[in-house]
Each structure stands twice: as structure tokens, then as C-alpha cells.
Amino acid sequence: MSQVVDTVRQDIIAAIKSDRLVLPTLPEAALRVREVAEDPDANMDQLTSVIGNDAALSARIVRVANSPLMRASKAIEDLKAAVMRLGIQYTCNIATGLAMQQMFQATSDLVDSRLRDTWNRSSEIAGICHVLCRHYTKLRPDQATLAGLIHRIGVLPILTYAEEHPSLLKDSLTLDRVIFQLQGAIGDLILKTWDFPAEIANVPSQHMKFNREVEKADYADIVTVAMLQSYLGTDTALGRVDYHKVTAFSRLGMDPDMQMAEAEDLSAEMEAAMTLLQ
């Protein structure tokens, strides 16, 4: 099997380099939102106008603003009030992430199912990132949430490739191995192409390096712990990881042995977090 995996891996890398396999581009709504985010003179009215062109995105931004995680006592019903509650930076990052959902769809049922599963899991992890970031770091919860949403973006071109190679698509074991080996490097390449901020642009490749050594907690650490939290108690490889070997816990100031108890202390927030972006 390793020979097959290596052959597929080399073919995918060659296909990307020769533009036979095109990297995904950000949806139009996300591009417009990021233009506003990068404009130092932008204001809330401009951002509201850009998001307002997409009814589905507008509704989801309002839903996020009304989430229990935002600790607001009064419900709001319109987009402008939602943007005012969340702020420009937070709204831009959340809107960028949510606009990307449309990319996680395919014509083939097998690929479509995998993409939807990837998006749903990423959404859950992104919500947990928000909670962990707020409780254990001084980093930005909106940036942490976006990091959670994009940490498996490298899966997209691999599944596009698989869709064009039915034999690989039917061999789920080999496909899983290819995804595991390649998604990080491809994800970094996509985020670099999209000009994403440096602090989250390497999250796809770094979040799976459990013995990583860096000076202080970063967004990859948050995604690592959020991902493990998401798989906690499952009969999967990620559900069986020895937390004592994961350096991210100490950088976040979390005791690996206390993970269950801490999760229970934050249970209400975690529950809200997991549905934040649904």
C-alpha cells in the first residue's frame, strides 16, 4: 500500500505544480469581506453592505451574534446590529469562514459525503477553538475560530483529484493515508495563495505535530487541543492520543490529566461552541 500512496502523493504534487489540479479559490463573498477587512478606512456600513448581498451569510452572522457564547442579554434581528455586536474584525473572520462552506460540496456522492463530514467536524472544532482561546490565551477568539475552520482545507484538492480517479475514491484506506500525508502541506499552500495572516497560514501543517516546540501558545496549539477535545471518547486514532505527549497542553496552561474535568467545567460553553457555526 505504501507504494500506491507514494505514487498518488507524487502525482498530486506534480498535478498542482503543473496546474492540472487547480487549488481552490476563495468564494466571492469571502473575497469581498477580506477586502473590507484589509481596508484601514473601512467602516461597519461597508461591511454590512458587503455581507448583506448574501442572504444566507447574513442570517448566519445574526445567528452567531445571538449565540450564548457572545453573552448578550438581548436578541438582535438585523445584520447591522449583529456587526455592531461582533465588531468589524470578528465579523470579517467569521464571515470569511462561513462563506467557505460552499466549497465543501461535490457532484460525486462519496466525495460530497466526505467534504460535508470534514466541514461539520471543522465547524465543531472551530467553536471549541473560540472557547479555548478565550479561557486559556490572550489571542483573538475570531482568529482562533477561523483557524479551526481552515485547518483541513488541504483536503479539498485531494478529494477533487480522487473524484477524477475512481479507483482511488473506492479505496478509502489508501485515500485516508494520502489525505493524512498531504493535507497539511497543501493546506499551507492554499492559505499562502489566499494571503491569509501568517499566524494562521501554517495551521494545516502544524496542528498535527503533537511534539511541536515553540516559545508560546499559538493558533495551531488551540486547534490541536480543540481537535483532540472534539474526538475525545471516540474509537479513533485521535480519540486514543496520549495527551501527555502533546506539548500544546502545557503551552495553553492546561493539565492533560484535567482535560475531562476542565471540559465539564466549560460544558455549557462547549455545547454552545459546537453549534456556533452550524
C-alpha atoms as a PDB file:
ATOM      1  CA  MET A   1       0.000   0.000   0.000  1.00  0.00           C
ATOM      2  CA  SER A   2       2.838   2.441   0.831  1.00  0.00           C
ATOM      3  CA  GLN A   3       3.981   2.311  -2.799  1.00  0.00           C
ATOM      4  CA  VAL A   4       0.472   3.181  -4.019  1.00  0.00           C
ATOM      5  CA  VAL A   5       0.217   6.028  -1.500  1.00  0.00           C
ATOM      6  CA  ASP A   6       3.601   7.377  -2.583  1.00  0.00           C
ATOM      7  CA  THR A   7       2.664   7.195  -6.277  1.00  0.00           C
ATOM      8  CA  VAL A   8      -0.611   9.053  -5.668  1.00  0.00           C
ATOM      9  CA  ARG A   9       1.169  11.602  -3.479  1.00  0.00           C
ATOM     10  CA  GLN A  10       3.755  12.319  -6.190  1.00  0.00           C
ATOM     11  CA  ASP A  11       1.044  12.559  -8.842  1.00  0.00           C
ATOM     12  CA  ILE A  12      -0.988  15.062  -6.797  1.00  0.00           C
ATOM     13  CA  ILE A  13       2.080  17.224  -6.097  1.00  0.00           C
ATOM     14  CA  ALA A  14       3.023  17.145  -9.807  1.00  0.00           C
ATOM     15  CA  ALA A  15      -0.582  17.978 -10.787  1.00  0.00           C
ATOM     16  CA  ILE A  16      -0.592  21.038  -8.508  1.00  0.00           C
ATOM     17  CA  LYS A  17       2.783  22.249  -9.787  1.00  0.00           C
ATOM     18  CA  SER A  18       1.707  21.916 -13.413  1.00  0.00           C
ATOM     19  CA  ASP A  19      -1.731  23.487 -12.755  1.00  0.00           C
ATOM     20  CA  ARG A  20      -3.504  20.280 -13.782  1.00  0.00           C
ATOM     21  CA  LEU A  21      -5.003  20.261 -10.299  1.00  0.00           C
ATOM     22  CA  VAL A  22      -6.052  23.809  -9.512  1.00  0.00           C
ATOM     23  CA  LEU A  23      -6.020  24.956  -5.908  1.00  0.00           C
ATOM     24  CA  PRO A  24      -9.414  26.194  -4.670  1.00  0.00           C
ATOM     25  CA  THR A  25     -10.143  29.913  -4.749  1.00  0.00           C
ATOM     26  CA  LEU A  26     -11.975  31.803  -2.043  1.00  0.00           C
ATOM     27  CA  PRO A  27     -15.697  32.323  -2.746  1.00  0.00           C
ATOM     28  CA  GLU A  28     -16.671  35.790  -3.967  1.00  0.00           C
ATOM     29  CA  ALA A  29     -18.371  36.690  -0.674  1.00  0.00           C
ATOM     30  CA  ALA A  30     -15.241  35.819   1.309  1.00  0.00           C
ATOM     31  CA  LEU A  31     -13.029  37.827  -1.072  1.00  0.00           C
ATOM     32  CA  ARG A  32     -15.229  40.909  -0.710  1.00  0.00           C
ATOM     33  CA  VAL A  33     -15.292  40.569   3.076  1.00  0.00           C
ATOM     34  CA  ARG A  34     -11.497  40.273   3.245  1.00  0.00           C
ATOM     35  CA  GLU A  35     -11.105  43.373   1.064  1.00  0.00           C
ATOM     36  CA  VAL A  36     -13.083  45.290   3.675  1.00  0.00           C
ATOM     37  CA  ALA A  37     -11.031  43.698   6.474  1.00  0.00           C
ATOM     38  CA  GLU A  38      -7.784  44.863   4.875  1.00  0.00           C
ATOM     39  CA  ASP A  39      -9.013  48.423   4.289  1.00  0.00           C
ATOM     40  CA  PRO A  40      -7.940  50.586   7.269  1.00  0.00           C
ATOM     41  CA  ASP A  41     -10.648  53.121   6.385  1.00  0.00           C
ATOM     42  CA  ALA A  42     -13.474  50.574   6.178  1.00  0.00           C
ATOM     43  CA  ASN A  43     -16.475  51.033   8.426  1.00  0.00           C
ATOM     44  CA  MET A  44     -19.367  48.915   9.661  1.00  0.00           C
ATOM     45  CA  ASP A  45     -21.739  50.213   6.989  1.00  0.00           C
ATOM     46  CA  GLN A  46     -19.432  48.985   4.226  1.00  0.00           C
ATOM     47  CA  LEU A  47     -19.085  45.580   5.835  1.00  0.00           C
ATOM     48  CA  THR A  48     -22.841  45.337   6.412  1.00  0.00           C
ATOM     49  CA  SER A  49     -23.420  46.234   2.763  1.00  0.00           C
ATOM     50  CA  VAL A  50     -20.991  43.539   1.513  1.00  0.00           C
ATOM     51  CA  ILE A  51     -22.405  40.777   3.721  1.00  0.00           C
ATOM     52  CA  GLY A  52     -25.963  41.950   3.067  1.00  0.00           C
ATOM     53  CA  ASN A  53     -25.632  40.877  -0.578  1.00  0.00           C
ATOM     54  CA  ASP A  54     -25.669  37.255   0.608  1.00  0.00           C
ATOM     55  CA  ALA A  55     -28.917  36.486   2.441  1.00  0.00           C
ATOM     56  CA  ALA A  56     -27.772  33.106   3.791  1.00  0.00           C
ATOM     57  CA  LEU A  57     -24.486  34.536   5.097  1.00  0.00           C
ATOM     58  CA  SER A  58     -26.312  37.478   6.671  1.00  0.00           C
ATOM     59  CA  ALA A  59     -28.686  35.139   8.527  1.00  0.00           C
ATOM     60  CA  ARG A  60     -25.781  33.101   9.885  1.00  0.00           C
ATOM     61  CA  ILE A  61     -23.895  36.172  11.093  1.00  0.00           C
ATOM     62  CA  VAL A  62     -27.025  37.230  13.002  1.00  0.00           C
ATOM     63  CA  ARG A  63     -27.247  33.712  14.464  1.00  0.00           C
ATOM     64  CA  VAL A  64     -23.595  33.862  15.615  1.00  0.00           C
ATOM     65  CA  ALA A  65     -24.198  37.273  17.215  1.00  0.00           C
ATOM     66  CA  ASN A  66     -27.130  35.779  19.148  1.00  0.00           C
ATOM     67  CA  SER A  67     -25.117  32.772  20.336  1.00  0.00           C
ATOM     68  CA  PRO A  68     -24.836  32.241  24.113  1.00  0.00           C
ATOM     69  CA  LEU A  69     -21.057  32.487  23.590  1.00  0.00           C
ATOM     70  CA  MET A  70     -21.459  36.205  22.902  1.00  0.00           C
ATOM     71  CA  ARG A  71     -23.042  36.646  26.352  1.00  0.00           C
ATOM     72  CA  ALA A  72     -25.632  39.110  25.145  1.00  0.00           C
ATOM     73  CA  SER A  73     -28.812  39.617  27.112  1.00  0.00           C
ATOM     74  CA  LYS A  74     -30.871  40.996  24.242  1.00  0.00           C
ATOM     75  CA  ALA A  75     -31.582  39.161  20.975  1.00  0.00           C
ATOM     76  CA  ILE A  76     -30.969  41.036  17.741  1.00  0.00           C
ATOM     77  CA  GLU A  77     -32.676  40.527  14.406  1.00  0.00           C
ATOM     78  CA  ASP A  78     -30.810  42.590  11.827  1.00  0.00           C
ATOM     79  CA  LEU A  79     -27.352  42.364  10.270  1.00  0.00           C
ATOM     80  CA  LYS A  80     -26.167  45.859  11.221  1.00  0.00           C
ATOM     81  CA  ALA A  81     -26.829  45.205  14.909  1.00  0.00           C
ATOM     82  CA  ALA A  82     -25.025  41.861  14.582  1.00  0.00           C
ATOM     83  CA  VAL A  83     -21.940  43.535  13.060  1.00  0.00           C
ATOM     84  CA  MET A  84     -22.003  46.168  15.816  1.00  0.00           C
ATOM     85  CA  ARG A  85     -22.114  43.438  18.473  1.00  0.00           C
ATOM     86  CA  LEU A  86     -19.342  41.343  16.933  1.00  0.00           C
ATOM     87  CA  GLY A  87     -17.122  44.157  15.682  1.00  0.00           C
ATOM     88  CA  ILE A  88     -15.511  44.500  12.244  1.00  0.00           C
ATOM     89  CA  GLN A  89     -12.568  42.116  12.802  1.00  0.00           C
ATOM     90  CA  TYR A  90     -14.643  39.357  14.342  1.00  0.00           C
ATOM     91  CA  THR A  91     -17.361  39.661  11.700  1.00  0.00           C
ATOM     92  CA  CYS A  92     -14.822  39.561   8.857  1.00  0.00           C
ATOM     93  CA  ASN A  93     -13.156  36.390  10.122  1.00  0.00           C
ATOM     94  CA  ILE A  94     -16.419  34.588  10.876  1.00  0.00           C
ATOM     95  CA  ALA A  95     -17.954  35.666   7.550  1.00  0.00           C
ATOM     96  CA  THR A  96     -14.836  34.505   5.663  1.00  0.00           C
ATOM     97  CA  GLY A  97     -15.044  31.101   7.318  1.00  0.00           C
ATOM     98  CA  LEU A  98     -18.781  30.695   6.834  1.00  0.00           C
ATOM     99  CA  ALA A  99     -18.599  31.743   3.170  1.00  0.00           C
ATOM    100  CA  MET A 100     -16.144  28.888   2.617  1.00  0.00           C
ATOM    101  CA  GLN A 101     -18.786  26.268   3.390  1.00  0.00           C
ATOM    102  CA  GLN A 102     -19.971  26.299  -0.226  1.00  0.00           C
ATOM    103  CA  MET A 103     -16.559  24.926  -1.225  1.00  0.00           C
ATOM    104  CA  PHE A 104     -17.209  21.729   0.733  1.00  0.00           C
ATOM    105  CA  GLN A 105     -19.591  20.238  -1.827  1.00  0.00           C
ATOM    106  CA  ALA A 106     -19.095  17.883  -4.766  1.00  0.00           C
ATOM    107  CA  THR A 107     -21.041  16.172  -7.521  1.00  0.00           C
ATOM    108  CA  SER A 108     -19.952  12.660  -6.531  1.00  0.00           C
ATOM    109  CA  ASP A 109     -21.906  11.301  -3.540  1.00  0.00           C
ATOM    110  CA  LEU A 110     -18.792   9.739  -1.995  1.00  0.00           C
ATOM    111  CA  VAL A 111     -16.760  12.933  -2.235  1.00  0.00           C
ATOM    112  CA  ASP A 112     -19.706  15.088  -1.181  1.00  0.00           C
ATOM    113  CA  SER A 113     -20.192  12.969   1.942  1.00  0.00           C
ATOM    114  CA  ARG A 114     -16.506  13.251   2.856  1.00  0.00           C
ATOM    115  CA  LEU A 115     -16.479  17.007   2.280  1.00  0.00           C
ATOM    116  CA  ARG A 116     -19.602  17.573   4.378  1.00  0.00           C
ATOM    117  CA  ASP A 117     -18.155  15.449   7.193  1.00  0.00           C
ATOM    118  CA  THR A 118     -14.935  17.486   7.014  1.00  0.00           C
ATOM    119  CA  TRP A 119     -16.855  20.773   7.182  1.00  0.00           C
ATOM    120  CA  ASN A 120     -19.104  19.640  10.045  1.00  0.00           C
ATOM    121  CA  ARG A 121     -16.149  18.451  12.106  1.00  0.00           C
ATOM    122  CA  SER A 122     -14.175  21.628  11.305  1.00  0.00           C
ATOM    123  CA  SER A 123     -17.168  23.754  12.384  1.00  0.00           C
ATOM    124  CA  GLU A 124     -17.332  21.930  15.707  1.00  0.00           C
ATOM    125  CA  ILE A 125     -13.577  22.289  16.247  1.00  0.00           C
ATOM    126  CA  ALA A 126     -13.751  25.987  15.318  1.00  0.00           C
ATOM    127  CA  GLY A 127     -16.348  26.585  18.029  1.00  0.00           C
ATOM    128  CA  ILE A 128     -14.187  24.798  20.613  1.00  0.00           C
ATOM    129  CA  CYS A 129     -11.231  26.929  19.443  1.00  0.00           C
ATOM    130  CA  HIS A 130     -13.254  30.028  20.324  1.00  0.00           C
ATOM    131  CA  VAL A 131     -13.817  28.814  23.910  1.00  0.00           C
ATOM    132  CA  LEU A 132     -10.236  27.594  24.479  1.00  0.00           C
ATOM    133  CA  CYS A 133      -8.786  30.804  23.057  1.00  0.00           C
ATOM    134  CA  ARG A 134     -10.884  32.980  25.353  1.00  0.00           C
ATOM    135  CA  HIS A 135     -10.181  30.955  28.508  1.00  0.00           C
ATOM    136  CA  TYR A 136      -6.526  29.997  28.069  1.00  0.00           C
ATOM    137  CA  THR A 137      -4.850  32.630  25.879  1.00  0.00           C
ATOM    138  CA  LYS A 138      -4.709  36.315  25.066  1.00  0.00           C
ATOM    139  CA  LEU A 139      -5.018  35.544  21.367  1.00  0.00           C
ATOM    140  CA  ARG A 140      -8.053  36.590  19.310  1.00  0.00           C
ATOM    141  CA  PRO A 141     -11.085  34.257  19.501  1.00  0.00           C
ATOM    142  CA  ASP A 142     -12.204  35.277  15.982  1.00  0.00           C
ATOM    143  CA  GLN A 143      -8.814  34.327  14.531  1.00  0.00           C
ATOM    144  CA  ALA A 144      -8.860  31.059  16.508  1.00  0.00           C
ATOM    145  CA  THR A 145     -12.320  30.273  15.144  1.00  0.00           C
ATOM    146  CA  LEU A 146     -11.163  30.886  11.572  1.00  0.00           C
ATOM    147  CA  ALA A 147      -8.075  28.715  12.234  1.00  0.00           C
ATOM    148  CA  GLY A 148     -10.404  25.888  13.275  1.00  0.00           C
ATOM    149  CA  LEU A 149     -12.467  26.259  10.123  1.00  0.00           C
ATOM    150  CA  ILE A 150      -9.478  26.162   7.759  1.00  0.00           C
ATOM    151  CA  HIS A 151      -7.258  23.581   9.457  1.00  0.00           C
ATOM    152  CA  ARG A 152      -8.285  20.850   6.971  1.00  0.00           C
ATOM    153  CA  ILE A 153      -8.633  22.997   3.854  1.00  0.00           C
ATOM    154  CA  GLY A 154      -5.943  20.844   2.211  1.00  0.00           C
ATOM    155  CA  VAL A 155      -8.470  18.015   1.899  1.00  0.00           C
ATOM    156  CA  LEU A 156     -10.293  19.876  -0.917  1.00  0.00           C
ATOM    157  CA  PRO A 157      -7.846  19.432  -3.835  1.00  0.00           C
ATOM    158  CA  ILE A 158      -7.046  15.867  -2.736  1.00  0.00           C
ATOM    159  CA  LEU A 159     -10.718  14.910  -2.963  1.00  0.00           C
ATOM    160  CA  THR A 160     -11.002  16.781  -6.277  1.00  0.00           C
ATOM    161  CA  TYR A 161      -8.171  14.572  -7.517  1.00  0.00           C
ATOM    162  CA  ALA A 162      -9.879  11.462  -6.115  1.00  0.00           C
ATOM    163  CA  GLU A 163     -13.103  12.408  -7.883  1.00  0.00           C
ATOM    164  CA  GLU A 164     -11.198  12.171 -11.175  1.00  0.00           C
ATOM    165  CA  HIS A 165      -9.601   8.844 -10.185  1.00  0.00           C
ATOM    166  CA  PRO A 166     -12.435   6.433  -9.265  1.00  0.00           C
ATOM    167  CA  SER A 167     -10.059   3.621  -8.259  1.00  0.00           C
ATOM    168  CA  LEU A 168      -8.609   5.826  -5.516  1.00  0.00           C
ATOM    169  CA  LEU A 169     -12.039   7.019  -4.470  1.00  0.00           C
ATOM    170  CA  LYS A 170     -13.175   3.436  -3.924  1.00  0.00           C
ATOM    171  CA  ASP A 171     -10.029   2.567  -1.950  1.00  0.00           C
ATOM    172  CA  SER A 172     -10.849   4.514   1.216  1.00  0.00           C
ATOM    173  CA  LEU A 173      -7.853   3.168   3.147  1.00  0.00           C
ATOM    174  CA  THR A 174      -5.352   4.463   0.589  1.00  0.00           C
ATOM    175  CA  LEU A 175      -7.269   7.734   0.220  1.00  0.00           C
ATOM    176  CA  ASP A 176      -7.188   8.247   4.008  1.00  0.00           C
ATOM    177  CA  ARG A 177      -3.414   7.681   4.002  1.00  0.00           C
ATOM    178  CA  VAL A 178      -2.931  10.167   1.151  1.00  0.00           C
ATOM    179  CA  ILE A 179      -5.068  12.766   2.942  1.00  0.00           C
ATOM    180  CA  PHE A 180      -3.153  12.236   6.190  1.00  0.00           C
ATOM    181  CA  GLN A 181       0.213  12.680   4.465  1.00  0.00           C
ATOM    182  CA  LEU A 182      -0.632  15.577   2.167  1.00  0.00           C
ATOM    183  CA  GLN A 183      -3.398  17.737   3.621  1.00  0.00           C
ATOM    184  CA  GLY A 184      -1.070  19.782   5.862  1.00  0.00           C
ATOM    185  CA  ALA A 185       1.392  20.889   3.184  1.00  0.00           C
ATOM    186  CA  ILE A 186      -1.371  21.503   0.632  1.00  0.00           C
ATOM    187  CA  GLY A 187      -3.415  23.412   3.206  1.00  0.00           C
ATOM    188  CA  ASP A 188      -0.470  25.720   3.935  1.00  0.00           C
ATOM    189  CA  LEU A 189      -0.026  26.282   0.198  1.00  0.00           C
ATOM    190  CA  ILE A 190      -3.711  27.217  -0.221  1.00  0.00           C
ATOM    191  CA  LEU A 191      -3.675  29.691   2.690  1.00  0.00           C
ATOM    192  CA  LYS A 192      -0.462  31.248   1.392  1.00  0.00           C
ATOM    193  CA  THR A 193      -2.087  31.637  -2.034  1.00  0.00           C
ATOM    194  CA  TRP A 194      -5.076  33.299  -0.340  1.00  0.00           C
ATOM    195  CA  ASP A 195      -2.761  35.705   1.550  1.00  0.00           C
ATOM    196  CA  PHE A 196      -4.073  34.594   4.925  1.00  0.00           C
ATOM    197  CA  PRO A 197      -2.353  36.102   8.005  1.00  0.00           C
ATOM    198  CA  ALA A 198       0.983  34.477   8.860  1.00  0.00           C
ATOM    199  CA  GLU A 199      -0.198  33.477  12.337  1.00  0.00           C
ATOM    200  CA  ILE A 200      -2.778  31.043  10.930  1.00  0.00           C
ATOM    201  CA  ALA A 201      -1.325  30.294   7.483  1.00  0.00           C
ATOM    202  CA  ASN A 202       0.641  27.290   8.765  1.00  0.00           C
ATOM    203  CA  VAL A 203      -2.087  25.804  10.977  1.00  0.00           C
ATOM    204  CA  PRO A 204      -2.888  22.989   8.473  1.00  0.00           C
ATOM    205  CA  SER A 205       0.649  21.567   8.711  1.00  0.00           C
ATOM    206  CA  GLN A 206       1.381  22.409  12.356  1.00  0.00           C
ATOM    207  CA  HIS A 207      -1.725  21.294  14.261  1.00  0.00           C
ATOM    208  CA  MET A 208      -0.902  17.575  13.865  1.00  0.00           C
ATOM    209  CA  LYS A 209       2.665  17.940  15.181  1.00  0.00           C
ATOM    210  CA  PHE A 210       1.916  16.875  18.739  1.00  0.00           C
ATOM    211  CA  ASN A 211       5.544  17.187  19.928  1.00  0.00           C
ATOM    212  CA  ARG A 212       5.998  20.641  18.408  1.00  0.00           C
ATOM    213  CA  GLU A 213       8.298  23.007  20.302  1.00  0.00           C
ATOM    214  CA  VAL A 214       7.533  26.736  20.082  1.00  0.00           C
ATOM    215  CA  GLU A 215       8.072  29.526  22.595  1.00  0.00           C
ATOM    216  CA  LYS A 216       4.464  30.365  23.396  1.00  0.00           C
ATOM    217  CA  ALA A 217       0.933  29.238  22.646  1.00  0.00           C
ATOM    218  CA  ASP A 218      -0.269  29.954  19.123  1.00  0.00           C
ATOM    219  CA  TYR A 219      -3.326  29.247  16.982  1.00  0.00           C
ATOM    220  CA  ALA A 220      -2.003  25.834  15.919  1.00  0.00           C
ATOM    221  CA  ASP A 221      -1.888  24.857  19.628  1.00  0.00           C
ATOM    222  CA  ILE A 222      -5.502  25.904  20.063  1.00  0.00           C
ATOM    223  CA  VAL A 223      -6.568  23.870  17.019  1.00  0.00           C
ATOM    224  CA  THR A 224      -4.594  20.853  18.262  1.00  0.00           C
ATOM    225  CA  VAL A 225      -6.318  20.784  21.647  1.00  0.00           C
ATOM    226  CA  ALA A 226      -9.736  21.649  20.174  1.00  0.00           C
ATOM    227  CA  MET A 227      -9.395  18.786  17.692  1.00  0.00           C
ATOM    228  CA  LEU A 228      -8.471  16.315  20.447  1.00  0.00           C
ATOM    229  CA  GLN A 229     -11.395  17.608  22.514  1.00  0.00           C
ATOM    230  CA  SER A 230     -13.704  17.010  19.549  1.00  0.00           C
ATOM    231  CA  TYR A 231     -12.548  13.381  19.240  1.00  0.00           C
ATOM    232  CA  LEU A 232     -12.456  12.730  22.992  1.00  0.00           C
ATOM    233  CA  GLY A 233     -14.030   9.371  23.836  1.00  0.00           C
ATOM    234  CA  THR A 234     -14.252   8.192  20.205  1.00  0.00           C
ATOM    235  CA  ASP A 235     -12.790   4.914  18.992  1.00  0.00           C
ATOM    236  CA  THR A 236     -10.434   6.639  16.551  1.00  0.00           C
ATOM    237  CA  ALA A 237      -6.687   7.278  16.379  1.00  0.00           C
ATOM    238  CA  LEU A 238      -7.294  10.859  17.564  1.00  0.00           C
ATOM    239  CA  GLY A 239      -9.512   9.570  20.352  1.00  0.00           C
ATOM    240  CA  ARG A 240      -6.648   7.433  21.645  1.00  0.00           C
ATOM    241  CA  VAL A 241      -3.870  10.045  21.656  1.00  0.00           C
ATOM    242  CA  ASP A 242      -1.815  10.228  24.869  1.00  0.00           C
ATOM    243  CA  TYR A 243      -2.293  13.845  25.935  1.00  0.00           C
ATOM    244  CA  HIS A 244       0.942  13.777  27.946  1.00  0.00           C
ATOM    245  CA  LYS A 245       2.832  13.612  24.653  1.00  0.00           C
ATOM    246  CA  VAL A 246       1.031  16.680  23.264  1.00  0.00           C
ATOM    247  CA  THR A 247       3.089  19.807  24.036  1.00  0.00           C
ATOM    248  CA  ALA A 248       0.225  22.189  23.208  1.00  0.00           C
ATOM    249  CA  PHE A 249      -1.444  21.445  26.552  1.00  0.00           C
ATOM    250  CA  SER A 250       1.409  22.889  28.618  1.00  0.00           C
ATOM    251  CA  ARG A 251       1.683  25.998  26.423  1.00  0.00           C
ATOM    252  CA  LEU A 252      -2.022  26.629  26.939  1.00  0.00           C
ATOM    253  CA  GLY A 253      -1.587  26.092  30.674  1.00  0.00           C
ATOM    254  CA  MET A 254      -3.808  23.008  30.628  1.00  0.00           C
ATOM    255  CA  ASP A 255      -3.112  19.857  32.628  1.00  0.00           C
ATOM    256  CA  PRO A 256      -3.592  16.833  30.303  1.00  0.00           C
ATOM    257  CA  ASP A 257      -4.990  14.829  33.254  1.00  0.00           C
ATOM    258  CA  MET A 258      -7.513  17.564  33.983  1.00  0.00           C
ATOM    259  CA  GLN A 259      -8.828  17.702  30.451  1.00  0.00           C
ATOM    260  CA  MET A 260     -12.050  15.846  31.258  1.00  0.00           C
ATOM    261  CA  ALA A 261     -12.746  17.875  34.402  1.00  0.00           C
ATOM    262  CA  GLU A 262     -11.989  21.158  32.654  1.00  0.00           C
ATOM    263  CA  ALA A 263     -14.251  20.165  29.788  1.00  0.00           C
ATOM    264  CA  GLU A 264     -17.039  19.540  32.302  1.00  0.00           C
ATOM    265  CA  ASP A 265     -16.462  22.965  33.882  1.00  0.00           C
ATOM    266  CA  LEU A 266     -16.841  24.519  30.435  1.00  0.00           C
ATOM    267  CA  SER A 267     -19.551  22.098  29.314  1.00  0.00           C
ATOM    268  CA  ALA A 268     -22.260  24.721  28.694  1.00  0.00           C
ATOM    269  CA  GLU A 269     -19.878  26.874  26.687  1.00  0.00           C
ATOM    270  CA  MET A 270     -18.554  23.848  24.794  1.00  0.00           C
ATOM    271  CA  GLU A 271     -22.080  22.824  23.898  1.00  0.00           C
ATOM    272  CA  ALA A 272     -22.843  26.296  22.587  1.00  0.00           C
ATOM    273  CA  ALA A 273     -19.483  26.382  20.807  1.00  0.00           C
ATOM    274  CA  MET A 274     -20.121  23.179  18.900  1.00  0.00           C
ATOM    275  CA  THR A 275     -23.260  24.646  17.341  1.00  0.00           C
ATOM    276  CA  LEU A 276     -21.890  28.172  16.887  1.00  0.00           C
ATOM    277  CA  LEU A 277     -21.285  27.788  13.151  1.00  0.00           C
ATOM    278  CA  GLN A 278     -23.895  25.136  12.260  1.00  0.00           C
END
